[in-house]
Amino acid sequence: RGVRRSGIGGVDAWKTGIEIFKAAMGASMDLNERCYGAAIGLYETGANWSKALELFDRIEKLRVRPEVQAFTALIAACAQAAQWEIALRQVRKMLQISISPS
């Protein structure tokens, strides 16, 4: 976190990370829960809660068990955007699957 405005060639670093992640997905690489969690964290850094939620929903559909990192990043992204209902829903999900919020 904290790389929101540290650009590479005029492009925000988080956007570059997302492009790399999308390329890996497009190449049908075997991405695990940590890869998805890191990508959700990049969306949090970029203050893009809706994309973070979209990716989180995708990993649930793929039946990948999200780690605490993914939940925490999504909750933080939603909180930054004052999307409290969505953030609280994610906290409840964490507790349902026995992941302790950090």
PDB file of N, CA and C in Angstrom:
ATOM      1  N   ARG A   1       0.846  -1.168   0.000  1.00  0.00           N
ATOM      2  CA  ARG A   1       0.000   0.000   0.000  1.00  0.00           C
ATOM      3  C   ARG A   1       0.895   1.236   0.000  1.00  0.00           C
ATOM      4  N   GLY A   2       0.318   2.365  -0.253  1.00  0.00           N
ATOM      5  CA  GLY A   2       1.112   3.580  -0.262  1.00  0.00           C
ATOM      6  C   GLY A   2       1.814   3.824  -1.576  1.00  0.00           C
ATOM      7  N   VAL A   3       1.470   3.043  -2.622  1.00  0.00           N
ATOM      8  CA  VAL A   3       2.080   3.254  -3.925  1.00  0.00           C
ATOM      9  C   VAL A   3       1.105   3.919  -4.883  1.00  0.00           C
ATOM     10  N   ARG A   4       0.013   4.433  -4.348  1.00  0.00           N
ATOM     11  CA  ARG A   4      -1.048   4.977  -5.184  1.00  0.00           C
ATOM     12  C   ARG A   4      -0.519   5.976  -6.208  1.00  0.00           C
ATOM     13  N   ARG A   5       0.379   6.815  -5.822  1.00  0.00           N
ATOM     14  CA  ARG A   5       0.852   7.848  -6.737  1.00  0.00           C
ATOM     15  C   ARG A   5       2.299   7.668  -7.187  1.00  0.00           C
ATOM     16  N   SER A   6       2.899   6.549  -6.848  1.00  0.00           N
ATOM     17  CA  SER A   6       4.261   6.331  -7.316  1.00  0.00           C
ATOM     18  C   SER A   6       4.192   5.722  -8.705  1.00  0.00           C
ATOM     19  N   GLY A   7       4.332   6.566  -9.704  1.00  0.00           N
ATOM     20  CA  GLY A   7       4.129   6.139 -11.065  1.00  0.00           C
ATOM     21  C   GLY A   7       5.363   5.551 -11.718  1.00  0.00           C
ATOM     22  N   ILE A   8       5.100   4.696 -12.702  1.00  0.00           N
ATOM     23  CA  ILE A   8       6.155   4.148 -13.546  1.00  0.00           C
ATOM     24  C   ILE A   8       5.842   4.649 -14.946  1.00  0.00           C
ATOM     25  N   GLY A   9       6.658   5.551 -15.461  1.00  0.00           N
ATOM     26  CA  GLY A   9       6.403   6.081 -16.787  1.00  0.00           C
ATOM     27  C   GLY A   9       5.077   6.800 -16.891  1.00  0.00           C
ATOM     28  N   GLY A  10       4.657   7.480 -15.827  1.00  0.00           N
ATOM     29  CA  GLY A  10       3.407   8.224 -15.840  1.00  0.00           C
ATOM     30  C   GLY A  10       2.183   7.378 -15.520  1.00  0.00           C
ATOM     31  N   VAL A  11       2.360   6.093 -15.291  1.00  0.00           N
ATOM     32  CA  VAL A  11       1.245   5.208 -14.958  1.00  0.00           C
ATOM     33  C   VAL A  11       1.371   4.816 -13.502  1.00  0.00           C
ATOM     34  N   ASP A  12       0.270   4.870 -12.767  1.00  0.00           N
ATOM     35  CA  ASP A  12       0.312   4.470 -11.360  1.00  0.00           C
ATOM     36  C   ASP A  12       0.800   3.037 -11.237  1.00  0.00           C
ATOM     37  N   ALA A  13       1.634   2.778 -10.252  1.00  0.00           N
ATOM     38  CA  ALA A  13       2.217   1.445 -10.059  1.00  0.00           C
ATOM     39  C   ALA A  13       1.146   0.386  -9.853  1.00  0.00           C
ATOM     40  N   TRP A  14       0.059   0.710  -9.172  1.00  0.00           N
ATOM     41  CA  TRP A  14      -0.991  -0.287  -8.958  1.00  0.00           C
ATOM     42  C   TRP A  14      -1.623  -0.715 -10.272  1.00  0.00           C
ATOM     43  N   LYS A  15      -1.736   0.207 -11.215  1.00  0.00           N
ATOM     44  CA  LYS A  15      -2.302  -0.134 -12.522  1.00  0.00           C
ATOM     45  C   LYS A  15      -1.394  -1.097 -13.273  1.00  0.00           C
ATOM     46  N   THR A  16      -0.095  -0.889 -13.154  1.00  0.00           N
ATOM     47  CA  THR A  16       0.868  -1.783 -13.791  1.00  0.00           C
ATOM     48  C   THR A  16       0.736  -3.182 -13.198  1.00  0.00           C
ATOM     49  N   GLY A  17       0.600  -3.258 -11.882  1.00  0.00           N
ATOM     50  CA  GLY A  17       0.414  -4.546 -11.226  1.00  0.00           C
ATOM     51  C   GLY A  17      -0.842  -5.253 -11.706  1.00  0.00           C
ATOM     52  N   ILE A  18      -1.920  -4.512 -11.858  1.00  0.00           N
ATOM     53  CA  ILE A  18      -3.177  -5.094 -12.343  1.00  0.00           C
ATOM     54  C   ILE A  18      -3.013  -5.601 -13.768  1.00  0.00           C
ATOM     55  N   GLU A  19      -2.312  -4.864 -14.596  1.00  0.00           N
ATOM     56  CA  GLU A  19      -2.084  -5.310 -15.985  1.00  0.00           C
ATOM     57  C   GLU A  19      -1.301  -6.615 -16.009  1.00  0.00           C
ATOM     58  N   ILE A  20      -0.313  -6.736 -15.139  1.00  0.00           N
ATOM     59  CA  ILE A  20       0.462  -7.983 -15.053  1.00  0.00           C
ATOM     60  C   ILE A  20      -0.448  -9.127 -14.603  1.00  0.00           C
ATOM     61  N   PHE A  21      -1.281  -8.853 -13.612  1.00  0.00           N
ATOM     62  CA  PHE A  21      -2.216  -9.869 -13.126  1.00  0.00           C
ATOM     63  C   PHE A  21      -3.177 -10.300 -14.235  1.00  0.00           C
ATOM     64  N   LYS A  22      -3.731  -9.343 -14.963  1.00  0.00           N
ATOM     65  CA  LYS A  22      -4.662  -9.664 -16.047  1.00  0.00           C
ATOM     66  C   LYS A  22      -3.973 -10.486 -17.135  1.00  0.00           C
ATOM     67  N   ALA A  23      -2.710 -10.158 -17.426  1.00  0.00           N
ATOM     68  CA  ALA A  23      -1.963 -10.926 -18.425  1.00  0.00           C
ATOM     69  C   ALA A  23      -1.779 -12.364 -17.961  1.00  0.00           C
ATOM     70  N   ALA A  24      -1.510 -12.547 -16.673  1.00  0.00           N
ATOM     71  CA  ALA A  24      -1.362 -13.901 -16.127  1.00  0.00           C
ATOM     72  C   ALA A  24      -2.680 -14.666 -16.228  1.00  0.00           C
ATOM     73  N   MET A  25      -3.785 -13.990 -15.945  1.00  0.00           N
ATOM     74  CA  MET A  25      -5.096 -14.634 -16.074  1.00  0.00           C
ATOM     75  C   MET A  25      -5.364 -14.998 -17.527  1.00  0.00           C
ATOM     76  N   GLY A  26      -5.031 -14.087 -18.431  1.00  0.00           N
ATOM     77  CA  GLY A  26      -5.253 -14.323 -19.850  1.00  0.00           C
ATOM     78  C   GLY A  26      -4.403 -15.453 -20.405  1.00  0.00           C
ATOM     79  N   ALA A  27      -3.255 -15.692 -19.778  1.00  0.00           N
ATOM     80  CA  ALA A  27      -2.371 -16.773 -20.206  1.00  0.00           C
ATOM     81  C   ALA A  27      -2.744 -18.096 -19.543  1.00  0.00           C
ATOM     82  N   SER A  28      -3.876 -18.102 -18.865  1.00  0.00           N
ATOM     83  CA  SER A  28      -4.380 -19.294 -18.170  1.00  0.00           C
ATOM     84  C   SER A  28      -3.378 -19.852 -17.163  1.00  0.00           C
ATOM     85  N   MET A  29      -2.634 -18.957 -16.523  1.00  0.00           N
ATOM     86  CA  MET A  29      -1.722 -19.398 -15.478  1.00  0.00           C
ATOM     87  C   MET A  29      -2.538 -19.864 -14.279  1.00  0.00           C
ATOM     88  N   ASP A  30      -1.978 -20.776 -13.520  1.00  0.00           N
ATOM     89  CA  ASP A  30      -2.640 -21.297 -12.331  1.00  0.00           C
ATOM     90  C   ASP A  30      -2.415 -20.318 -11.183  1.00  0.00           C
ATOM     91  N   LEU A  31      -3.378 -19.427 -10.978  1.00  0.00           N
ATOM     92  CA  LEU A  31      -3.260 -18.402  -9.944  1.00  0.00           C
ATOM     93  C   LEU A  31      -3.881 -18.910  -8.651  1.00  0.00           C
ATOM     94  N   ASN A  32      -3.191 -18.688  -7.549  1.00  0.00           N
ATOM     95  CA  ASN A  32      -3.703 -19.152  -6.266  1.00  0.00           C
ATOM     96  C   ASN A  32      -4.332 -17.991  -5.494  1.00  0.00           C
ATOM     97  N   GLU A  33      -4.789 -18.321  -4.273  1.00  0.00           N
ATOM     98  CA  GLU A  33      -5.479 -17.326  -3.453  1.00  0.00           C
ATOM     99  C   GLU A  33      -4.599 -16.132  -3.122  1.00  0.00           C
ATOM    100  N   ARG A  34      -3.294 -16.322  -3.027  1.00  0.00           N
ATOM    101  CA  ARG A  34      -2.402 -15.198  -2.736  1.00  0.00           C
ATOM    102  C   ARG A  34      -2.308 -14.234  -3.913  1.00  0.00           C
ATOM    103  N   CYS A  35      -2.308 -14.770  -5.116  1.00  0.00           N
ATOM    104  CA  CYS A  35      -2.287 -13.907  -6.311  1.00  0.00           C
ATOM    105  C   CYS A  35      -3.541 -13.042  -6.365  1.00  0.00           C
ATOM    106  N   TYR A  36      -4.684 -13.675  -6.130  1.00  0.00           N
ATOM    107  CA  TYR A  36      -5.941 -12.925  -6.142  1.00  0.00           C
ATOM    108  C   TYR A  36      -5.970 -11.901  -5.009  1.00  0.00           C
ATOM    109  N   GLY A  37      -5.503 -12.291  -3.844  1.00  0.00           N
ATOM    110  CA  GLY A  37      -5.458 -11.362  -2.718  1.00  0.00           C
ATOM    111  C   GLY A  37      -4.577 -10.157  -3.004  1.00  0.00           C
ATOM    112  N   ALA A  38      -3.440 -10.409  -3.646  1.00  0.00           N
ATOM    113  CA  ALA A  38      -2.542  -9.307  -3.997  1.00  0.00           C
ATOM    114  C   ALA A  38      -3.201  -8.371  -5.008  1.00  0.00           C
ATOM    115  N   ALA A  39      -3.914  -8.945  -5.970  1.00  0.00           N
ATOM    116  CA  ALA A  39      -4.591  -8.111  -6.976  1.00  0.00           C
ATOM    117  C   ALA A  39      -5.702  -7.278  -6.335  1.00  0.00           C
ATOM    118  N   ILE A  40      -6.437  -7.871  -5.408  1.00  0.00           N
ATOM    119  CA  ILE A  40      -7.469  -7.104  -4.697  1.00  0.00           C
ATOM    120  C   ILE A  40      -6.810  -5.981  -3.916  1.00  0.00           C
ATOM    121  N   GLY A  41      -5.647  -6.250  -3.324  1.00  0.00           N
ATOM    122  CA  GLY A  41      -4.886  -5.210  -2.634  1.00  0.00           C
ATOM    123  C   GLY A  41      -4.463  -4.084  -3.561  1.00  0.00           C
ATOM    124  N   LEU A  42      -4.140  -4.416  -4.800  1.00  0.00           N
ATOM    125  CA  LEU A  42      -3.797  -3.374  -5.775  1.00  0.00           C
ATOM    126  C   LEU A  42      -5.002  -2.488  -6.069  1.00  0.00           C
ATOM    127  N   TYR A  43      -6.173  -3.115  -6.203  1.00  0.00           N
ATOM    128  CA  TYR A  43      -7.383  -2.308  -6.408  1.00  0.00           C
ATOM    129  C   TYR A  43      -7.669  -1.431  -5.189  1.00  0.00           C
ATOM    130  N   GLU A  44      -7.384  -1.935  -4.012  1.00  0.00           N
ATOM    131  CA  GLU A  44      -7.542  -1.098  -2.814  1.00  0.00           C
ATOM    132  C   GLU A  44      -6.617   0.106  -2.901  1.00  0.00           C
ATOM    133  N   THR A  45      -5.367  -0.142  -3.264  1.00  0.00           N
ATOM    134  CA  THR A  45      -4.393   0.947  -3.395  1.00  0.00           C
ATOM    135  C   THR A  45      -4.859   1.982  -4.410  1.00  0.00           C
ATOM    136  N   GLY A  46      -5.478   1.506  -5.471  1.00  0.00           N
ATOM    137  CA  GLY A  46      -5.990   2.406  -6.500  1.00  0.00           C
ATOM    138  C   GLY A  46      -7.352   2.987  -6.187  1.00  0.00           C
ATOM    139  N   ALA A  47      -7.860   2.723  -4.983  1.00  0.00           N
ATOM    140  CA  ALA A  47      -9.158   3.235  -4.538  1.00  0.00           C
ATOM    141  C   ALA A  47     -10.277   2.821  -5.493  1.00  0.00           C
ATOM    142  N   ASN A  48     -10.222   1.563  -5.932  1.00  0.00           N
ATOM    143  CA  ASN A  48     -11.222   1.062  -6.871  1.00  0.00           C
ATOM    144  C   ASN A  48     -11.986  -0.092  -6.222  1.00  0.00           C
ATOM    145  N   TRP A  49     -12.885   0.261  -5.316  1.00  0.00           N
ATOM    146  CA  TRP A  49     -13.611  -0.741  -4.546  1.00  0.00           C
ATOM    147  C   TRP A  49     -14.470  -1.644  -5.421  1.00  0.00           C
ATOM    148  N   SER A  50     -15.051  -1.096  -6.477  1.00  0.00           N
ATOM    149  CA  SER A  50     -15.953  -1.906  -7.302  1.00  0.00           C
ATOM    150  C   SER A  50     -15.191  -3.003  -8.049  1.00  0.00           C
ATOM    151  N   LYS A  51     -13.998  -2.707  -8.526  1.00  0.00           N
ATOM    152  CA  LYS A  51     -13.167  -3.722  -9.190  1.00  0.00           C
ATOM    153  C   LYS A  51     -12.660  -4.742  -8.174  1.00  0.00           C
ATOM    154  N   ALA A  52     -12.347  -4.277  -6.964  1.00  0.00           N
ATOM    155  CA  ALA A  52     -11.921  -5.201  -5.902  1.00  0.00           C
ATOM    156  C   ALA A  52     -13.047  -6.189  -5.603  1.00  0.00           C
ATOM    157  N   LEU A  53     -14.274  -5.687  -5.500  1.00  0.00           N
ATOM    158  CA  LEU A  53     -15.424  -6.545  -5.229  1.00  0.00           C
ATOM    159  C   LEU A  53     -15.669  -7.501  -6.397  1.00  0.00           C
ATOM    160  N   GLU A  54     -15.545  -7.003  -7.603  1.00  0.00           N
ATOM    161  CA  GLU A  54     -15.742  -7.829  -8.793  1.00  0.00           C
ATOM    162  C   GLU A  54     -14.744  -8.998  -8.808  1.00  0.00           C
ATOM    163  N   LEU A  55     -13.491  -8.706  -8.507  1.00  0.00           N
ATOM    164  CA  LEU A  55     -12.479  -9.762  -8.491  1.00  0.00           C
ATOM    165  C   LEU A  55     -12.723 -10.727  -7.336  1.00  0.00           C
ATOM    166  N   PHE A  56     -13.116 -10.208  -6.192  1.00  0.00           N
ATOM    167  CA  PHE A  56     -13.422 -11.068  -5.048  1.00  0.00           C
ATOM    168  C   PHE A  56     -14.569 -12.021  -5.394  1.00  0.00           C
ATOM    169  N   ASP A  57     -15.603 -11.502  -6.032  1.00  0.00           N
ATOM    170  CA  ASP A  57     -16.727 -12.349  -6.449  1.00  0.00           C
ATOM    171  C   ASP A  57     -16.252 -13.427  -7.421  1.00  0.00           C
ATOM    172  N   ARG A  58     -15.321 -13.067  -8.274  1.00  0.00           N
ATOM    173  CA  ARG A  58     -14.788 -14.034  -9.245  1.00  0.00           C
ATOM    174  C   ARG A  58     -14.073 -15.185  -8.537  1.00  0.00           C
ATOM    175  N   ILE A  59     -13.261 -14.873  -7.532  1.00  0.00           N
ATOM    176  CA  ILE A  59     -12.535 -15.956  -6.868  1.00  0.00           C
ATOM    177  C   ILE A  59     -13.494 -16.868  -6.106  1.00  0.00           C
ATOM    178  N   GLU A  60     -14.579 -16.302  -5.605  1.00  0.00           N
ATOM    179  CA  GLU A  60     -15.578 -17.149  -4.950  1.00  0.00           C
ATOM    180  C   GLU A  60     -16.230 -18.089  -5.958  1.00  0.00           C
ATOM    181  N   LYS A  61     -16.507 -17.600  -7.162  1.00  0.00           N
ATOM    182  CA  LYS A  61     -17.105 -18.437  -8.209  1.00  0.00           C
ATOM    183  C   LYS A  61     -16.136 -19.522  -8.667  1.00  0.00           C
ATOM    184  N   LEU A  62     -14.844 -19.231  -8.623  1.00  0.00           N
ATOM    185  CA  LEU A  62     -13.826 -20.221  -8.993  1.00  0.00           C
ATOM    186  C   LEU A  62     -13.573 -21.216  -7.866  1.00  0.00           C
ATOM    187  N   ARG A  63     -14.238 -21.006  -6.756  1.00  0.00           N
ATOM    188  CA  ARG A  63     -14.096 -21.850  -5.571  1.00  0.00           C
ATOM    189  C   ARG A  63     -12.686 -21.809  -4.986  1.00  0.00           C
ATOM    190  N   VAL A  64     -12.061 -20.647  -5.111  1.00  0.00           N
ATOM    191  CA  VAL A  64     -10.778 -20.398  -4.456  1.00  0.00           C
ATOM    192  C   VAL A  64     -11.104 -19.821  -3.086  1.00  0.00           C
ATOM    193  N   ARG A  65     -10.546 -20.396  -2.045  1.00  0.00           N
ATOM    194  CA  ARG A  65     -10.823 -19.890  -0.696  1.00  0.00           C
ATOM    195  C   ARG A  65     -10.003 -18.623  -0.466  1.00  0.00           C
ATOM    196  N   PRO A  66     -10.666 -17.481  -0.310  1.00  0.00           N
ATOM    197  CA  PRO A  66      -9.926 -16.237  -0.096  1.00  0.00           C
ATOM    198  C   PRO A  66      -9.198 -16.243   1.247  1.00  0.00           C
ATOM    199  N   GLU A  67      -8.012 -15.675   1.248  1.00  0.00           N
ATOM    200  CA  GLU A  67      -7.246 -15.534   2.486  1.00  0.00           C
ATOM    201  C   GLU A  67      -7.616 -14.217   3.157  1.00  0.00           C
ATOM    202  N   VAL A  68      -7.141 -14.060   4.364  1.00  0.00           N
ATOM    203  CA  VAL A  68      -7.427 -12.848   5.132  1.00  0.00           C
ATOM    204  C   VAL A  68      -6.972 -11.603   4.367  1.00  0.00           C
ATOM    205  N   GLN A  69      -5.868 -11.696   3.621  1.00  0.00           N
ATOM    206  CA  GLN A  69      -5.360 -10.554   2.852  1.00  0.00           C
ATOM    207  C   GLN A  69      -6.409 -10.036   1.864  1.00  0.00           C
ATOM    208  N   ALA A  70      -7.088 -10.946   1.178  1.00  0.00           N
ATOM    209  CA  ALA A  70      -8.102 -10.543   0.199  1.00  0.00           C
ATOM    210  C   ALA A  70      -9.273  -9.864   0.889  1.00  0.00           C
ATOM    211  N   PHE A  71      -9.745 -10.467   1.988  1.00  0.00           N
ATOM    212  CA  PHE A  71     -10.837  -9.860   2.738  1.00  0.00           C
ATOM    213  C   PHE A  71     -10.448  -8.481   3.264  1.00  0.00           C
ATOM    214  N   THR A  72      -9.278  -8.391   3.853  1.00  0.00           N
ATOM    215  CA  THR A  72      -8.838  -7.124   4.450  1.00  0.00           C
ATOM    216  C   THR A  72      -8.728  -6.025   3.391  1.00  0.00           C
ATOM    217  N   ALA A  73      -8.155  -6.362   2.245  1.00  0.00           N
ATOM    218  CA  ALA A  73      -8.019  -5.375   1.173  1.00  0.00           C
ATOM    219  C   ALA A  73      -9.384  -4.938   0.650  1.00  0.00           C
ATOM    220  N   LEU A  74     -10.294  -5.893   0.480  1.00  0.00           N
ATOM    221  CA  LEU A  74     -11.630  -5.545  -0.006  1.00  0.00           C
ATOM    222  C   LEU A  74     -12.368  -4.681   1.009  1.00  0.00           C
ATOM    223  N   ILE A  75     -12.296  -5.057   2.262  1.00  0.00           N
ATOM    224  CA  ILE A  75     -12.956  -4.273   3.318  1.00  0.00           C
ATOM    225  C   ILE A  75     -12.391  -2.861   3.363  1.00  0.00           C
ATOM    226  N   ALA A  76     -11.070  -2.730   3.273  1.00  0.00           N
ATOM    227  CA  ALA A  76     -10.441  -1.406   3.296  1.00  0.00           C
ATOM    228  C   ALA A  76     -10.848  -0.577   2.077  1.00  0.00           C
ATOM    229  N   ALA A  77     -10.896  -1.213   0.907  1.00  0.00           N
ATOM    230  CA  ALA A  77     -11.299  -0.492  -0.309  1.00  0.00           C
ATOM    231  C   ALA A  77     -12.729   0.014  -0.184  1.00  0.00           C
ATOM    232  N   CYS A  78     -13.607  -0.839   0.343  1.00  0.00           N
ATOM    233  CA  CYS A  78     -15.005  -0.435   0.534  1.00  0.00           C
ATOM    234  C   CYS A  78     -15.119   0.672   1.577  1.00  0.00           C
ATOM    235  N   ALA A  79     -14.354   0.551   2.649  1.00  0.00           N
ATOM    236  CA  ALA A  79     -14.393   1.572   3.705  1.00  0.00           C
ATOM    237  C   ALA A  79     -13.916   2.923   3.175  1.00  0.00           C
ATOM    238  N   GLN A  80     -12.860   2.921   2.364  1.00  0.00           N
ATOM    239  CA  GLN A  80     -12.353   4.179   1.790  1.00  0.00           C
ATOM    240  C   GLN A  80     -13.419   4.878   0.955  1.00  0.00           C
ATOM    241  N   ALA A  81     -14.284   4.077   0.328  1.00  0.00           N
ATOM    242  CA  ALA A  81     -15.328   4.633  -0.540  1.00  0.00           C
ATOM    243  C   ALA A  81     -16.663   4.773   0.187  1.00  0.00           C
ATOM    244  N   ALA A  82     -16.648   4.610   1.513  1.00  0.00           N
ATOM    245  CA  ALA A  82     -17.851   4.698   2.344  1.00  0.00           C
ATOM    246  C   ALA A  82     -18.914   3.680   1.940  1.00  0.00           C
ATOM    247  N   GLN A  83     -18.475   2.519   1.481  1.00  0.00           N
ATOM    248  CA  GLN A  83     -19.372   1.416   1.135  1.00  0.00           C
ATOM    249  C   GLN A  83     -19.464   0.485   2.342  1.00  0.00           C
ATOM    250  N   TRP A  84     -20.034   1.007   3.432  1.00  0.00           N
ATOM    251  CA  TRP A  84     -20.020   0.311   4.717  1.00  0.00           C
ATOM    252  C   TRP A  84     -20.830  -0.969   4.717  1.00  0.00           C
ATOM    253  N   GLU A  85     -21.953  -0.984   4.036  1.00  0.00           N
ATOM    254  CA  GLU A  85     -22.771  -2.203   4.012  1.00  0.00           C
ATOM    255  C   GLU A  85     -22.010  -3.360   3.374  1.00  0.00           C
ATOM    256  N   ILE A  86     -21.319  -3.074   2.285  1.00  0.00           N
ATOM    257  CA  ILE A  86     -20.532  -4.110   1.611  1.00  0.00           C
ATOM    258  C   ILE A  86     -19.369  -4.541   2.495  1.00  0.00           C
ATOM    259  N   ALA A  87     -18.717  -3.580   3.125  1.00  0.00           N
ATOM    260  CA  ALA A  87     -17.599  -3.897   4.020  1.00  0.00           C
ATOM    261  C   ALA A  87     -18.053  -4.800   5.165  1.00  0.00           C
ATOM    262  N   LEU A  88     -19.177  -4.473   5.773  1.00  0.00           N
ATOM    263  CA  LEU A  88     -19.691  -5.280   6.884  1.00  0.00           C
ATOM    264  C   LEU A  88     -20.126  -6.669   6.425  1.00  0.00           C
ATOM    265  N   ARG A  89     -20.659  -6.754   5.221  1.00  0.00           N
ATOM    266  CA  ARG A  89     -21.025  -8.063   4.666  1.00  0.00           C
ATOM    267  C   ARG A  89     -19.786  -8.955   4.533  1.00  0.00           C
ATOM    268  N   GLN A  90     -18.655  -8.345   4.153  1.00  0.00           N
ATOM    269  CA  GLN A  90     -17.419  -9.118   4.015  1.00  0.00           C
ATOM    270  C   GLN A  90     -16.893  -9.582   5.376  1.00  0.00           C
ATOM    271  N   VAL A  91     -17.041  -8.742   6.389  1.00  0.00           N
ATOM    272  CA  VAL A  91     -16.634  -9.140   7.741  1.00  0.00           C
ATOM    273  C   VAL A  91     -17.468 -10.347   8.185  1.00  0.00           C
ATOM    274  N   ARG A  92     -18.763 -10.302   7.921  1.00  0.00           N
ATOM    275  CA  ARG A  92     -19.626 -11.433   8.286  1.00  0.00           C
ATOM    276  C   ARG A  92     -19.201 -12.707   7.542  1.00  0.00           C
ATOM    277  N   LYS A  93     -18.853 -12.569   6.253  1.00  0.00           N
ATOM    278  CA  LYS A  93     -18.390 -13.722   5.480  1.00  0.00           C
ATOM    279  C   LYS A  93     -17.127 -14.314   6.087  1.00  0.00           C
ATOM    280  N   MET A  94     -16.199 -13.431   6.490  1.00  0.00           N
ATOM    281  CA  MET A  94     -14.959 -13.898   7.104  1.00  0.00           C
ATOM    282  C   MET A  94     -15.266 -14.752   8.326  1.00  0.00           C
ATOM    283  N   LEU A  95     -16.141 -14.262   9.145  1.00  0.00           N
ATOM    284  CA  LEU A  95     -16.478 -14.977  10.380  1.00  0.00           C
ATOM    285  C   LEU A  95     -17.184 -16.292  10.083  1.00  0.00           C
ATOM    286  N   GLN A  96     -18.011 -16.322   9.042  1.00  0.00           N
ATOM    287  CA  GLN A  96     -18.725 -17.545   8.669  1.00  0.00           C
ATOM    288  C   GLN A  96     -17.767 -18.654   8.248  1.00  0.00           C
ATOM    289  N   ILE A  97     -16.683 -18.274   7.595  1.00  0.00           N
ATOM    290  CA  ILE A  97     -15.743 -19.314   7.140  1.00  0.00           C
ATOM    291  C   ILE A  97     -14.534 -19.418   8.064  1.00  0.00           C
ATOM    292  N   SER A  98     -14.685 -18.865   9.260  1.00  0.00           N
ATOM    293  CA  SER A  98     -13.684 -18.995  10.330  1.00  0.00           C
ATOM    294  C   SER A  98     -12.341 -18.365  10.000  1.00  0.00           C
ATOM    295  N   ILE A  99     -12.378 -17.177   9.402  1.00  0.00           N
ATOM    296  CA  ILE A  99     -11.174 -16.385   9.211  1.00  0.00           C
ATOM    297  C   ILE A  99     -11.270 -15.216  10.173  1.00  0.00           C
ATOM    298  N   SER A 100     -10.252 -15.045  10.993  1.00  0.00           N
ATOM    299  CA  SER A 100     -10.252 -13.946  11.962  1.00  0.00           C
ATOM    300  C   SER A 100      -9.810 -12.660  11.283  1.00  0.00           C
ATOM    301  N   PRO A 101     -10.599 -11.584  11.419  1.00  0.00           N
ATOM    302  CA  PRO A 101     -10.169 -10.286  10.869  1.00  0.00           C
ATOM    303  C   PRO A 101      -8.865  -9.848  11.515  1.00  0.00           C
ATOM    304  N   SER A 102      -7.998  -9.249  10.709  1.00  0.00           N
ATOM    305  CA  SER A 102      -6.729  -8.764  11.274  1.00  0.00           C
ATOM    306  C   SER A 102      -6.746  -7.270  11.395  1.00  0.00           C
TER     307      SER A 102
END
